[in-house]
């Protein structure tokens, strides 16, 4: 028995308790967290922190705008490729119709002449 009591005396263990004890709430809603005082300056940040946040926000917006512009350029490139293909197909069909009526060499000569005129106009 002596050895057990000496161990208890050497290492006293105190139960953990909250720093401040509150009684029961008046309205009985003990599951709610207790209210604290209103501090209007609690959420304010310093000028330097606000400026840093603005800088980050501005950099993000610039990056988003750049990505959006790249996406738009890619879209326009695809649209232009489709338009060029359709135009080439129409021209080919037109020359085929001409070939039905005229001789092949005459059609080729007209094609070359039209190309020269297009180059001169542009």
PDB file of N, CA and C in Angstrom:
ATOM      1  N   UNK A   1       0.800  -1.185   0.000  1.00  0.00           N
ATOM      2  CA  UNK A   1       0.000   0.000   0.000  1.00  0.00           C
ATOM      3  C   UNK A   1       0.845   1.251   0.000  1.00  0.00           C
ATOM      4  N   UNK A   2       1.929   1.195   0.644  1.00  0.00           N
ATOM      5  CA  UNK A   2       2.799   2.346   0.752  1.00  0.00           C
ATOM      6  C   UNK A   2       3.305   2.788  -0.613  1.00  0.00           C
ATOM      7  N   UNK A   3       3.630   1.835  -1.457  1.00  0.00           N
ATOM      8  CA  UNK A   3       4.180   2.169  -2.758  1.00  0.00           C
ATOM      9  C   UNK A   3       3.141   2.859  -3.648  1.00  0.00           C
ATOM     10  N   UNK A   4       1.885   2.466  -3.545  1.00  0.00           N
ATOM     11  CA  UNK A   4       0.829   3.061  -4.342  1.00  0.00           C
ATOM     12  C   UNK A   4       0.581   4.495  -3.923  1.00  0.00           C
ATOM     13  N   UNK A   5       0.562   4.749  -2.672  1.00  0.00           N
ATOM     14  CA  UNK A   5       0.305   6.105  -2.196  1.00  0.00           C
ATOM     15  C   UNK A   5       1.467   7.034  -2.502  1.00  0.00           C
ATOM     16  N   UNK A   6       2.685   6.531  -2.557  1.00  0.00           N
ATOM     17  CA  UNK A   6       3.827   7.372  -2.895  1.00  0.00           C
ATOM     18  C   UNK A   6       3.800   7.781  -4.358  1.00  0.00           C
ATOM     19  N   UNK A   7       3.290   6.913  -5.230  1.00  0.00           N
ATOM     20  CA  UNK A   7       3.169   7.242  -6.646  1.00  0.00           C
ATOM     21  C   UNK A   7       2.148   8.347  -6.868  1.00  0.00           C
ATOM     22  N   UNK A   8       1.074   8.295  -6.152  1.00  0.00           N
ATOM     23  CA  UNK A   8       0.025   9.291  -6.297  1.00  0.00           C
ATOM     24  C   UNK A   8       0.538  10.638  -5.828  1.00  0.00           C
ATOM     25  N   UNK A   9       1.331  10.656  -4.773  1.00  0.00           N
ATOM     26  CA  UNK A   9       1.852  11.906  -4.250  1.00  0.00           C
ATOM     27  C   UNK A   9       2.876  12.535  -5.193  1.00  0.00           C
ATOM     28  N   UNK A  10       3.636  11.716  -5.901  1.00  0.00           N
ATOM     29  CA  UNK A  10       4.688  12.230  -6.769  1.00  0.00           C
ATOM     30  C   UNK A  10       4.125  12.872  -8.039  1.00  0.00           C
ATOM     31  N   UNK A  11       3.111  12.284  -8.635  1.00  0.00           N
ATOM     32  CA  UNK A  11       2.568  12.831  -9.884  1.00  0.00           C
ATOM     33  C   UNK A  11       1.093  13.156  -9.711  1.00  0.00           C
ATOM     34  N   UNK A  12       0.809  14.330  -9.206  1.00  0.00           N
ATOM     35  CA  UNK A  12      -0.598  14.695  -9.055  1.00  0.00           C
ATOM     36  C   UNK A  12      -1.205  15.006 -10.443  1.00  0.00           C
ATOM     37  N   UNK A  13      -2.325  14.413 -10.770  1.00  0.00           N
ATOM     38  CA  UNK A  13      -2.994  14.613 -12.053  1.00  0.00           C
ATOM     39  C   UNK A  13      -4.262  15.415 -11.798  1.00  0.00           C
ATOM     40  N   UNK A  14      -4.319  16.616 -12.408  1.00  0.00           N
ATOM     41  CA  UNK A  14      -5.509  17.443 -12.249  1.00  0.00           C
ATOM     42  C   UNK A  14      -6.382  17.281 -13.480  1.00  0.00           C
ATOM     43  N   UNK A  15      -7.678  17.187 -13.306  1.00  0.00           N
ATOM     44  CA  UNK A  15      -8.553  17.059 -14.482  1.00  0.00           C
ATOM     45  C   UNK A  15      -8.555  18.354 -15.294  1.00  0.00           C
ATOM     46  N   UNK A  16      -8.633  18.194 -16.641  1.00  0.00           N
ATOM     47  CA  UNK A  16      -8.638  19.361 -17.529  1.00  0.00           C
ATOM     48  C   UNK A  16     -10.000  20.036 -17.472  1.00  0.00           C
ATOM     49  N   UNK A  17      -9.999  21.341 -17.249  1.00  0.00           N
ATOM     50  CA  UNK A  17     -11.229  22.108 -17.182  1.00  0.00           C
ATOM     51  C   UNK A  17     -11.073  23.349 -18.058  1.00  0.00           C
ATOM     52  N   UNK A  18     -12.192  23.838 -18.593  1.00  0.00           N
ATOM     53  CA  UNK A  18     -12.089  25.058 -19.385  1.00  0.00           C
ATOM     54  C   UNK A  18     -11.625  26.218 -18.511  1.00  0.00           C
ATOM     55  N   UNK A  19     -11.045  27.234 -19.188  1.00  0.00           N
ATOM     56  CA  UNK A  19     -10.484  28.372 -18.453  1.00  0.00           C
ATOM     57  C   UNK A  19     -11.544  29.117 -17.659  1.00  0.00           C
ATOM     58  N   UNK A  20     -12.721  29.246 -18.250  1.00  0.00           N
ATOM     59  CA  UNK A  20     -13.773  30.020 -17.590  1.00  0.00           C
ATOM     60  C   UNK A  20     -15.038  29.164 -17.541  1.00  0.00           C
ATOM     61  N   UNK A  21     -15.652  29.082 -16.403  1.00  0.00           N
ATOM     62  CA  UNK A  21     -16.883  28.309 -16.257  1.00  0.00           C
ATOM     63  C   UNK A  21     -18.083  29.246 -16.395  1.00  0.00           C
ATOM     64  N   UNK A  22     -18.991  28.858 -17.265  1.00  0.00           N
ATOM     65  CA  UNK A  22     -20.228  29.619 -17.414  1.00  0.00           C
ATOM     66  C   UNK A  22     -21.364  28.772 -16.859  1.00  0.00           C
ATOM     67  N   UNK A  23     -22.370  29.437 -16.366  1.00  0.00           N
ATOM     68  CA  UNK A  23     -23.541  28.716 -15.893  1.00  0.00           C
ATOM     69  C   UNK A  23     -24.428  28.349 -17.073  1.00  0.00           C
ATOM     70  N   UNK A  24     -25.601  27.843 -16.780  1.00  0.00           N
ATOM     71  CA  UNK A  24     -26.546  27.510 -17.842  1.00  0.00           C
ATOM     72  C   UNK A  24     -27.070  28.790 -18.470  1.00  0.00           C
ATOM     73  N   UNK A  25     -27.368  28.709 -19.773  1.00  0.00           N
ATOM     74  CA  UNK A  25     -27.918  29.868 -20.462  1.00  0.00           C
ATOM     75  C   UNK A  25     -29.334  30.134 -19.972  1.00  0.00           C
ATOM     76  N   UNK A  26     -29.697  31.390 -19.991  1.00  0.00           N
ATOM     77  CA  UNK A  26     -31.010  31.767 -19.482  1.00  0.00           C
ATOM     78  C   UNK A  26     -32.113  31.208 -20.373  1.00  0.00           C
ATOM     79  N   UNK A  27     -31.901  31.252 -21.698  1.00  0.00           N
ATOM     80  CA  UNK A  27     -32.957  30.789 -22.596  1.00  0.00           C
ATOM     81  C   UNK A  27     -32.967  29.270 -22.750  1.00  0.00           C
ATOM     82  N   UNK A  28     -31.997  28.597 -22.181  1.00  0.00           N
ATOM     83  CA  UNK A  28     -32.007  27.140 -22.200  1.00  0.00           C
ATOM     84  C   UNK A  28     -31.376  26.521 -23.430  1.00  0.00           C
ATOM     85  N   UNK A  29     -30.894  27.299 -24.374  1.00  0.00           N
ATOM     86  CA  UNK A  29     -30.290  26.753 -25.604  1.00  0.00           C
ATOM     87  C   UNK A  29     -28.795  26.513 -25.372  1.00  0.00           C
ATOM     88  N   UNK A  30     -28.507  25.504 -24.611  1.00  0.00           N
ATOM     89  CA  UNK A  30     -27.127  25.254 -24.217  1.00  0.00           C
ATOM     90  C   UNK A  30     -26.269  24.716 -25.366  1.00  0.00           C
ATOM     91  N   UNK A  31     -26.884  24.283 -26.454  1.00  0.00           N
ATOM     92  CA  UNK A  31     -26.107  23.742 -27.583  1.00  0.00           C
ATOM     93  C   UNK A  31     -25.521  24.852 -28.448  1.00  0.00           C
ATOM     94  N   UNK A  32     -25.999  26.098 -28.294  1.00  0.00           N
ATOM     95  CA  UNK A  32     -25.449  27.217 -29.054  1.00  0.00           C
ATOM     96  C   UNK A  32     -24.156  27.716 -28.423  1.00  0.00           C
ATOM     97  N   UNK A  33     -23.271  28.238 -29.285  1.00  0.00           N
ATOM     98  CA  UNK A  33     -22.034  28.841 -28.770  1.00  0.00           C
ATOM     99  C   UNK A  33     -22.384  30.150 -28.082  1.00  0.00           C
ATOM    100  N   UNK A  34     -21.673  30.483 -27.037  1.00  0.00           N
ATOM    101  CA  UNK A  34     -21.971  31.754 -26.353  1.00  0.00           C
ATOM    102  C   UNK A  34     -21.623  32.944 -27.237  1.00  0.00           C
ATOM    103  N   UNK A  35     -22.408  33.991 -27.119  1.00  0.00           N
ATOM    104  CA  UNK A  35     -22.193  35.185 -27.923  1.00  0.00           C
ATOM    105  C   UNK A  35     -21.010  35.982 -27.392  1.00  0.00           C
ATOM    106  N   UNK A  36     -20.374  36.706 -28.303  1.00  0.00           N
ATOM    107  CA  UNK A  36     -19.253  37.564 -27.914  1.00  0.00           C
ATOM    108  C   UNK A  36     -19.589  39.003 -28.264  1.00  0.00           C
ATOM    109  N   UNK A  37     -18.796  39.927 -27.761  1.00  0.00           N
ATOM    110  CA  UNK A  37     -19.035  41.340 -27.997  1.00  0.00           C
ATOM    111  C   UNK A  37     -18.787  41.689 -29.454  1.00  0.00           C
ATOM    112  N   UNK A  38     -19.540  42.663 -29.971  1.00  0.00           N
ATOM    113  CA  UNK A  38     -19.391  43.132 -31.353  1.00  0.00           C
ATOM    114  C   UNK A  38     -18.137  43.984 -31.467  1.00  0.00           C
ATOM    115  N   UNK A  39     -17.244  43.596 -32.385  1.00  0.00           N
ATOM    116  CA  UNK A  39     -16.002  44.337 -32.599  1.00  0.00           C
ATOM    117  C   UNK A  39     -15.967  44.794 -34.055  1.00  0.00           C
ATOM    118  N   UNK A  40     -16.314  46.049 -34.341  1.00  0.00           N
ATOM    119  CA  UNK A  40     -16.385  46.502 -35.733  1.00  0.00           C
ATOM    120  C   UNK A  40     -15.036  46.512 -36.447  1.00  0.00           C
ATOM    121  N   UNK A  41     -13.939  46.593 -35.743  1.00  0.00           N
ATOM    122  CA  UNK A  41     -12.630  46.638 -36.404  1.00  0.00           C
ATOM    123  C   UNK A  41     -12.000  45.252 -36.515  1.00  0.00           C
ATOM    124  N   UNK A  42     -12.713  44.197 -36.130  1.00  0.00           N
ATOM    125  CA  UNK A  42     -12.122  42.859 -36.094  1.00  0.00           C
ATOM    126  C   UNK A  42     -11.784  42.336 -37.494  1.00  0.00           C
ATOM    127  N   UNK A  43     -12.604  42.636 -38.493  1.00  0.00           N
ATOM    128  CA  UNK A  43     -12.395  42.084 -39.828  1.00  0.00           C
ATOM    129  C   UNK A  43     -11.549  42.938 -40.743  1.00  0.00           C
ATOM    130  N   UNK A  44     -11.054  44.048 -40.252  1.00  0.00           N
ATOM    131  CA  UNK A  44     -10.293  44.948 -41.118  1.00  0.00           C
ATOM    132  C   UNK A  44      -8.883  44.418 -41.346  1.00  0.00           C
ATOM    133  N   UNK A  45      -8.377  44.681 -42.559  1.00  0.00           N
ATOM    134  CA  UNK A  45      -7.013  44.279 -42.884  1.00  0.00           C
ATOM    135  C   UNK A  45      -6.175  45.527 -43.122  1.00  0.00           C
ATOM    136  N   UNK A  46      -4.890  45.346 -43.087  1.00  0.00           N
ATOM    137  CA  UNK A  46      -4.007  46.494 -43.262  1.00  0.00           C
ATOM    138  C   UNK A  46      -3.983  46.923 -44.731  1.00  0.00           C
ATOM    139  N   UNK A  47      -3.524  48.128 -44.976  1.00  0.00           N
ATOM    140  CA  UNK A  47      -3.439  48.685 -46.333  1.00  0.00           C
ATOM    141  C   UNK A  47      -2.524  47.830 -47.198  1.00  0.00           C
ATOM    142  N   UNK A  48      -1.399  47.398 -46.645  1.00  0.00           N
ATOM    143  CA  UNK A  48      -0.436  46.588 -47.400  1.00  0.00           C
ATOM    144  C   UNK A  48      -1.057  45.257 -47.833  1.00  0.00           C
ATOM    145  N   UNK A  49      -1.802  44.626 -46.922  1.00  0.00           N
ATOM    146  CA  UNK A  49      -2.436  43.354 -47.264  1.00  0.00           C
ATOM    147  C   UNK A  49      -3.485  43.539 -48.352  1.00  0.00           C
ATOM    148  N   UNK A  50      -4.258  44.630 -48.259  1.00  0.00           N
ATOM    149  CA  UNK A  50      -5.278  44.894 -49.283  1.00  0.00           C
ATOM    150  C   UNK A  50      -4.632  45.118 -50.636  1.00  0.00           C
ATOM    151  N   UNK A  51      -3.535  45.882 -50.655  1.00  0.00           N
ATOM    152  CA  UNK A  51      -2.841  46.154 -51.917  1.00  0.00           C
ATOM    153  C   UNK A  51      -2.268  44.865 -52.507  1.00  0.00           C
ATOM    154  N   UNK A  52      -1.738  43.994 -51.648  1.00  0.00           N
ATOM    155  CA  UNK A  52      -1.183  42.711 -52.105  1.00  0.00           C
ATOM    156  C   UNK A  52      -2.298  41.841 -52.709  1.00  0.00           C
ATOM    157  N   UNK A  53      -3.455  41.828 -52.044  1.00  0.00           N
ATOM    158  CA  UNK A  53      -4.593  41.062 -52.552  1.00  0.00           C
ATOM    159  C   UNK A  53      -5.053  41.621 -53.897  1.00  0.00           C
ATOM    160  N   UNK A  54      -5.071  42.967 -54.024  1.00  0.00           N
ATOM    161  CA  UNK A  54      -5.463  43.589 -55.290  1.00  0.00           C
ATOM    162  C   UNK A  54      -4.487  43.222 -56.401  1.00  0.00           C
ATOM    163  N   UNK A  55      -3.193  43.177 -56.071  1.00  0.00           N
ATOM    164  CA  UNK A  55      -2.173  42.829 -57.054  1.00  0.00           C
ATOM    165  C   UNK A  55      -2.371  41.401 -57.557  1.00  0.00           C
ATOM    166  N   UNK A  56      -2.654  40.495 -56.632  1.00  0.00           N
ATOM    167  CA  UNK A  56      -2.889  39.091 -56.998  1.00  0.00           C
ATOM    168  C   UNK A  56      -4.132  38.981 -57.865  1.00  0.00           C
ATOM    169  N   UNK A  57      -5.179  39.711 -57.480  1.00  0.00           N
ATOM    170  CA  UNK A  57      -6.434  39.688 -58.233  1.00  0.00           C
ATOM    171  C   UNK A  57      -6.224  40.213 -59.653  1.00  0.00           C
ATOM    172  N   UNK A  58      -5.453  41.283 -59.776  1.00  0.00           N
ATOM    173  CA  UNK A  58      -5.177  41.884 -61.081  1.00  0.00           C
ATOM    174  C   UNK A  58      -4.379  40.922 -61.966  1.00  0.00           C
ATOM    175  N   UNK A  59      -3.402  40.247 -61.377  1.00  0.00           N
ATOM    176  CA  UNK A  59      -2.601  39.277 -62.134  1.00  0.00           C
ATOM    177  C   UNK A  59      -3.474  38.121 -62.615  1.00  0.00           C
ATOM    178  N   UNK A  60      -4.385  37.676 -61.756  1.00  0.00           N
ATOM    179  CA  UNK A  60      -5.296  36.589 -62.131  1.00  0.00           C
ATOM    180  C   UNK A  60      -6.191  37.018 -63.286  1.00  0.00           C
ATOM    181  N   UNK A  61      -6.725  38.239 -63.210  1.00  0.00           N
ATOM    182  CA  UNK A  61      -7.596  38.734 -64.280  1.00  0.00           C
ATOM    183  C   UNK A  61      -6.842  38.849 -65.593  1.00  0.00           C
ATOM    184  N   UNK A  62      -5.588  39.312 -65.531  1.00  0.00           N
ATOM    185  CA  UNK A  62      -4.778  39.432 -66.746  1.00  0.00           C
ATOM    186  C   UNK A  62      -4.548  38.061 -67.370  1.00  0.00           C
ATOM    187  N   UNK A  63      -4.263  37.074 -66.546  1.00  0.00           N
ATOM    188  CA  UNK A  63      -4.030  35.706 -67.040  1.00  0.00           C
ATOM    189  C   UNK A  63      -5.302  35.146 -67.672  1.00  0.00           C
ATOM    190  N   UNK A  64      -6.441  35.370 -67.018  1.00  0.00           N
ATOM    191  CA  UNK A  64      -7.724  34.903 -67.554  1.00  0.00           C
ATOM    192  C   UNK A  64      -8.019  35.565 -68.894  1.00  0.00           C
ATOM    193  N   UNK A  65      -7.747  36.854 -68.999  1.00  0.00           N
ATOM    194  CA  UNK A  65      -7.981  37.566 -70.256  1.00  0.00           C
ATOM    195  C   UNK A  65      -7.086  37.011 -71.364  1.00  0.00           C
ATOM    196  N   UNK A  66      -5.843  36.697 -71.014  1.00  0.00           N
ATOM    197  CA  UNK A  66      -4.914  36.136 -71.996  1.00  0.00           C
ATOM    198  C   UNK A  66      -5.402  34.769 -72.482  1.00  0.00           C
ATOM    199  N   UNK A  67      -5.849  33.934 -71.552  1.00  0.00           N
ATOM    200  CA  UNK A  67      -6.363  32.609 -71.931  1.00  0.00           C
ATOM    201  C   UNK A  67      -7.615  32.737 -72.794  1.00  0.00           C
ATOM    202  N   UNK A  68      -8.470  33.707 -72.440  1.00  0.00           N
ATOM    203  CA  UNK A  68      -9.700  33.925 -73.200  1.00  0.00           C
ATOM    204  C   UNK A  68      -9.365  34.371 -74.627  1.00  0.00           C
ATOM    205  N   UNK A  69      -8.370  35.245 -74.751  1.00  0.00           N
ATOM    206  CA  UNK A  69      -7.963  35.738 -76.066  1.00  0.00           C
ATOM    207  C   UNK A  69      -7.390  34.601 -76.913  1.00  0.00           C
ATOM    208  N   UNK A  70      -6.575  33.743 -76.293  1.00  0.00           N
ATOM    209  CA  UNK A  70      -6.022  32.599 -77.012  1.00  0.00           C
ATOM    210  C   UNK A  70      -7.132  31.676 -77.511  1.00  0.00           C
ATOM    211  N   UNK A  71      -8.120  31.453 -76.651  1.00  0.00           N
ATOM    212  CA  UNK A  71      -9.241  30.587 -77.013  1.00  0.00           C
ATOM    213  C   UNK A  71     -10.022  31.181 -78.186  1.00  0.00           C
ATOM    214  N   UNK A  72     -10.228  32.493 -78.145  1.00  0.00           N
ATOM    215  CA  UNK A  72     -10.960  33.172 -79.217  1.00  0.00           C
ATOM    216  C   UNK A  72     -10.188  33.107 -80.532  1.00  0.00           C
ATOM    217  N   UNK A  73      -8.853  33.279 -80.469  1.00  0.00           N
ATOM    218  CA  UNK A  73      -8.030  33.187 -81.674  1.00  0.00           C
ATOM    219  C   UNK A  73      -8.101  31.792 -82.282  1.00  0.00           C
ATOM    220  N   UNK A  74      -8.059  30.774 -81.439  1.00  0.00           N
ATOM    221  CA  UNK A  74      -8.154  29.391 -81.919  1.00  0.00           C
ATOM    222  C   UNK A  74      -9.511  29.156 -82.586  1.00  0.00           C
ATOM    223  N   UNK A  75     -10.556  29.680 -81.974  1.00  0.00           N
ATOM    224  CA  UNK A  75     -11.911  29.542 -82.525  1.00  0.00           C
ATOM    225  C   UNK A  75     -12.001  30.229 -83.898  1.00  0.00           C
ATOM    226  N   UNK A  76     -11.469  31.462 -83.990  1.00  0.00           N
ATOM    227  CA  UNK A  76     -11.503  32.192 -85.256  1.00  0.00           C
ATOM    228  C   UNK A  76     -10.689  31.475 -86.344  1.00  0.00           C
ATOM    229  N   UNK A  77      -9.555  30.856 -85.930  1.00  0.00           N
ATOM    230  CA  UNK A  77      -8.729  30.126 -86.887  1.00  0.00           C
ATOM    231  C   UNK A  77      -9.502  28.936 -87.460  1.00  0.00           C
ATOM    232  N   UNK A  78     -10.221  28.210 -86.589  1.00  0.00           N
ATOM    233  CA  UNK A  78     -11.013  27.067 -87.048  1.00  0.00           C
ATOM    234  C   UNK A  78     -12.125  27.521 -87.994  1.00  0.00           C
ATOM    235  N   UNK A  79     -12.786  28.620 -87.637  1.00  0.00           N
ATOM    236  CA  UNK A  79     -13.869  29.145 -88.470  1.00  0.00           C
ATOM    237  C   UNK A  79     -13.328  29.532 -89.843  1.00  0.00           C
ATOM    238  N   UNK A  80     -12.168  30.202 -89.849  1.00  0.00           N
ATOM    239  CA  UNK A  80     -11.569  30.631 -91.118  1.00  0.00           C
ATOM    240  C   UNK A  80     -11.187  29.431 -91.966  1.00  0.00           C
ATOM    241  N   UNK A  81     -10.689  28.360 -91.348  1.00  0.00           N
ATOM    242  CA  UNK A  81     -10.320  27.152 -92.091  1.00  0.00           C
ATOM    243  C   UNK A  81     -11.558  26.535 -92.745  1.00  0.00           C
ATOM    244  N   UNK A  82     -12.673  26.526 -92.006  1.00  0.00           N
ATOM    245  CA  UNK A  82     -13.922  25.978 -92.554  1.00  0.00           C
ATOM    246  C   UNK A  82     -14.389  26.821 -93.738  1.00  0.00           C
ATOM    247  N   UNK A  83     -14.322  28.151 -93.590  1.00  0.00           N
ATOM    248  CA  UNK A  83     -14.751  29.041 -94.674  1.00  0.00           C
ATOM    249  C   UNK A  83     -13.890  28.841 -95.927  1.00  0.00           C
ATOM    250  N   UNK A  84     -12.565  28.718 -95.710  1.00  0.00           N
ATOM    251  CA  UNK A  84     -11.661  28.514 -96.847  1.00  0.00           C
ATOM    252  C   UNK A  84     -11.971  27.208 -97.567  1.00  0.00           C
ATOM    253  N   UNK A  85     -12.229  26.139 -96.776  1.00  0.00           N
ATOM    254  CA  UNK A  85     -12.554  24.852 -97.385  1.00  0.00           C
ATOM    255  C   UNK A  85     -13.835  24.940 -98.211  1.00  0.00           C
ATOM    256  N   UNK A  86     -14.850  25.609 -97.686  1.00  0.00           N
ATOM    257  CA  UNK A  86     -16.123  25.738 -98.408  1.00  0.00           C
ATOM    258  C   UNK A  86     -15.933  26.530 -99.701  1.00  0.00           C
ATOM    259  N   UNK A  87     -15.133  27.603 -99.605  1.00  0.00           N
ATOM    260  CA  UNK A  87     -14.891  28.437-100.779  1.00  0.00           C
ATOM    261  C   UNK A  87     -14.155  27.638-101.862  1.00  0.00           C
ATOM    262  N   UNK A  88     -13.154  26.848-101.449  1.00  0.00           N
ATOM    263  CA  UNK A  88     -12.406  26.034-102.408  1.00  0.00           C
ATOM    264  C   UNK A  88     -13.311  24.989-103.055  1.00  0.00           C
ATOM    265  N   UNK A  89     -14.214  24.425-102.260  1.00  0.00           N
ATOM    266  CA  UNK A  89     -15.146  23.418-102.789  1.00  0.00           C
ATOM    267  C   UNK A  89     -16.084  24.038-103.818  1.00  0.00           C
ATOM    268  N   UNK A  90     -16.611  25.243-103.500  1.00  0.00           N
ATOM    269  CA  UNK A  90     -17.494  25.940-104.443  1.00  0.00           C
ATOM    270  C   UNK A  90     -16.768  26.228-105.758  1.00  0.00           C
ATOM    271  N   UNK A  91     -15.529  26.695-105.629  1.00  0.00           N
ATOM    272  CA  UNK A  91     -14.753  27.032-106.824  1.00  0.00           C
ATOM    273  C   UNK A  91     -14.495  25.786-107.668  1.00  0.00           C
ATOM    274  N   UNK A  92     -14.192  24.692-106.992  1.00  0.00           N
ATOM    275  CA  UNK A  92     -13.941  23.436-107.712  1.00  0.00           C
ATOM    276  C   UNK A  92     -15.189  22.989-108.468  1.00  0.00           C
ATOM    277  N   UNK A  93     -16.348  23.089-107.791  1.00  0.00           N
ATOM    278  CA  UNK A  93     -17.605  22.716-108.442  1.00  0.00           C
ATOM    279  C   UNK A  93     -17.896  23.619-109.648  1.00  0.00           C
ATOM    280  N   UNK A  94     -17.579  24.897-109.489  1.00  0.00           N
ATOM    281  CA  UNK A  94     -17.821  25.843-110.590  1.00  0.00           C
ATOM    282  C   UNK A  94     -16.962  25.482-111.802  1.00  0.00           C
ATOM    283  N   UNK A  95     -15.696  25.158-111.553  1.00  0.00           N
ATOM    284  CA  UNK A  95     -14.816  24.785-112.668  1.00  0.00           C
ATOM    285  C   UNK A  95     -15.235  23.456-113.294  1.00  0.00           C
ATOM    286  N   UNK A  96     -15.770  22.548-112.500  1.00  0.00           N
ATOM    287  CA  UNK A  96     -16.257  21.281-113.041  1.00  0.00           C
ATOM    288  C   UNK A  96     -17.451  21.516-113.966  1.00  0.00           C
ATOM    289  N   UNK A  97     -18.330  22.451-113.557  1.00  0.00           N
ATOM    290  CA  UNK A  97     -19.474  22.780-114.421  1.00  0.00           C
ATOM    291  C   UNK A  97     -19.001  23.402-115.729  1.00  0.00           C
ATOM    292  N   UNK A  98     -17.976  24.266-115.609  1.00  0.00           N
ATOM    293  CA  UNK A  98     -17.433  24.881-116.820  1.00  0.00           C
ATOM    294  C   UNK A  98     -16.801  23.810-117.711  1.00  0.00           C
ATOM    295  N   UNK A  99     -16.156  22.828-117.134  1.00  0.00           N
ATOM    296  CA  UNK A  99     -15.487  21.778-117.902  1.00  0.00           C
ATOM    297  C   UNK A  99     -16.489  20.922-118.664  1.00  0.00           C
ATOM    298  N   UNK A 100     -17.702  20.803-118.130  1.00  0.00           N
ATOM    299  CA  UNK A 100     -18.732  20.043-118.846  1.00  0.00           C
ATOM    300  C   UNK A 100     -19.083  20.728-120.162  1.00  0.00           C
ATOM    301  N   UNK A 101     -19.091  22.053-120.177  1.00  0.00           N
ATOM    302  CA  UNK A 101     -19.507  22.801-121.356  1.00  0.00           C
ATOM    303  C   UNK A 101     -18.330  23.102-122.282  1.00  0.00           C
ATOM    304  N   UNK A 102     -17.133  23.401-121.680  1.00  0.00           N
ATOM    305  CA  UNK A 102     -15.986  23.849-122.477  1.00  0.00           C
ATOM    306  C   UNK A 102     -14.891  22.780-122.490  1.00  0.00           C
ATOM    307  N   UNK A 103     -13.860  23.091-123.241  1.00  0.00           N
ATOM    308  CA  UNK A 103     -12.699  22.218-123.316  1.00  0.00           C
ATOM    309  C   UNK A 103     -11.862  22.392-122.037  1.00  0.00           C
ATOM    310  N   UNK A 104     -11.151  21.323-121.651  1.00  0.00           N
ATOM    311  CA  UNK A 104     -10.366  21.325-120.418  1.00  0.00           C
ATOM    312  C   UNK A 104      -9.283  22.398-120.418  1.00  0.00           C
ATOM    313  N   UNK A 105      -8.597  22.580-121.566  1.00  0.00           N
ATOM    314  CA  UNK A 105      -7.511  23.563-121.643  1.00  0.00           C
ATOM    315  C   UNK A 105      -8.035  24.991-121.488  1.00  0.00           C
ATOM    316  N   UNK A 106      -9.177  25.259-122.033  1.00  0.00           N
ATOM    317  CA  UNK A 106      -9.771  26.586-121.900  1.00  0.00           C
ATOM    318  C   UNK A 106     -10.136  26.882-120.442  1.00  0.00           C
ATOM    319  N   UNK A 107     -10.653  25.869-119.737  1.00  0.00           N
ATOM    320  CA  UNK A 107     -11.007  26.026-118.313  1.00  0.00           C
ATOM    321  C   UNK A 107      -9.751  26.326-117.497  1.00  0.00           C
ATOM    322  N   UNK A 108      -8.663  25.597-117.781  1.00  0.00           N
ATOM    323  CA  UNK A 108      -7.404  25.827-117.059  1.00  0.00           C
ATOM    324  C   UNK A 108      -6.884  27.239-117.303  1.00  0.00           C
ATOM    325  N   UNK A 109      -6.991  27.711-118.559  1.00  0.00           N
ATOM    326  CA  UNK A 109      -6.536  29.060-118.898  1.00  0.00           C
ATOM    327  C   UNK A 109      -7.342  30.102-118.114  1.00  0.00           C
ATOM    328  N   UNK A 110      -8.649  29.922-118.034  1.00  0.00           N
ATOM    329  CA  UNK A 110      -9.500  30.864-117.286  1.00  0.00           C
ATOM    330  C   UNK A 110      -9.180  30.842-115.800  1.00  0.00           C
ATOM    331  N   UNK A 111      -8.894  29.654-115.284  1.00  0.00           N
ATOM    332  CA  UNK A 111      -8.542  29.539-113.867  1.00  0.00           C
ATOM    333  C   UNK A 111      -7.275  30.341-113.560  1.00  0.00           C
ATOM    334  N   UNK A 112      -6.259  30.198-114.419  1.00  0.00           N
ATOM    335  CA  UNK A 112      -5.009  30.938-114.217  1.00  0.00           C
ATOM    336  C   UNK A 112      -5.251  32.440-114.308  1.00  0.00           C
ATOM    337  N   UNK A 113      -6.075  32.874-115.274  1.00  0.00           N
ATOM    338  CA  UNK A 113      -6.371  34.297-115.441  1.00  0.00           C
ATOM    339  C   UNK A 113      -7.082  34.853-114.202  1.00  0.00           C
ATOM    340  N   UNK A 114      -8.049  34.081-113.654  1.00  0.00           N
ATOM    341  CA  UNK A 114      -8.763  34.534-112.459  1.00  0.00           C
ATOM    342  C   UNK A 114      -7.807  34.667-111.267  1.00  0.00           C
ATOM    343  N   UNK A 115      -6.859  33.736-111.168  1.00  0.00           N
ATOM    344  CA  UNK A 115      -5.885  33.822-110.078  1.00  0.00           C
ATOM    345  C   UNK A 115      -5.047  35.091-110.212  1.00  0.00           C
ATOM    346  N   UNK A 116      -4.631  35.404-111.447  1.00  0.00           N
ATOM    347  CA  UNK A 116      -3.842  36.619-111.668  1.00  0.00           C
ATOM    348  C   UNK A 116      -4.651  37.853-111.288  1.00  0.00           C
ATOM    349  N   UNK A 117      -5.921  37.898-111.678  1.00  0.00           N
ATOM    350  CA  UNK A 117      -6.774  39.046-111.359  1.00  0.00           C
ATOM    351  C   UNK A 117      -6.985  39.184-109.841  1.00  0.00           C
ATOM    352  N   UNK A 118      -7.137  38.040-109.149  1.00  0.00           N
ATOM    353  CA  UNK A 118      -7.288  38.099-107.697  1.00  0.00           C
ATOM    354  C   UNK A 118      -6.049  38.681-107.050  1.00  0.00           C
ATOM    355  N   UNK A 119      -4.883  38.261-107.504  1.00  0.00           N
ATOM    356  CA  UNK A 119      -3.619  38.754-106.946  1.00  0.00           C
ATOM    357  C   UNK A 119      -3.465  40.248-107.214  1.00  0.00           C
ATOM    358  N   UNK A 120      -3.857  40.702-108.401  1.00  0.00           N
ATOM    359  CA  UNK A 120      -3.745  42.109-108.714  1.00  0.00           C
ATOM    360  C   UNK A 120      -4.696  42.965-107.872  1.00  0.00           C
ATOM    361  N   UNK A 121      -5.876  42.438-107.603  1.00  0.00           N
ATOM    362  CA  UNK A 121      -6.874  43.188-106.804  1.00  0.00           C
ATOM    363  C   UNK A 121      -6.452  43.308-105.347  1.00  0.00           C
ATOM    364  N   UNK A 122      -5.840  42.242-104.813  1.00  0.00           N
ATOM    365  CA  UNK A 122      -5.501  42.276-103.386  1.00  0.00           C
ATOM    366  C   UNK A 122      -4.156  42.891-103.099  1.00  0.00           C
TER     367      UNK A 122
END
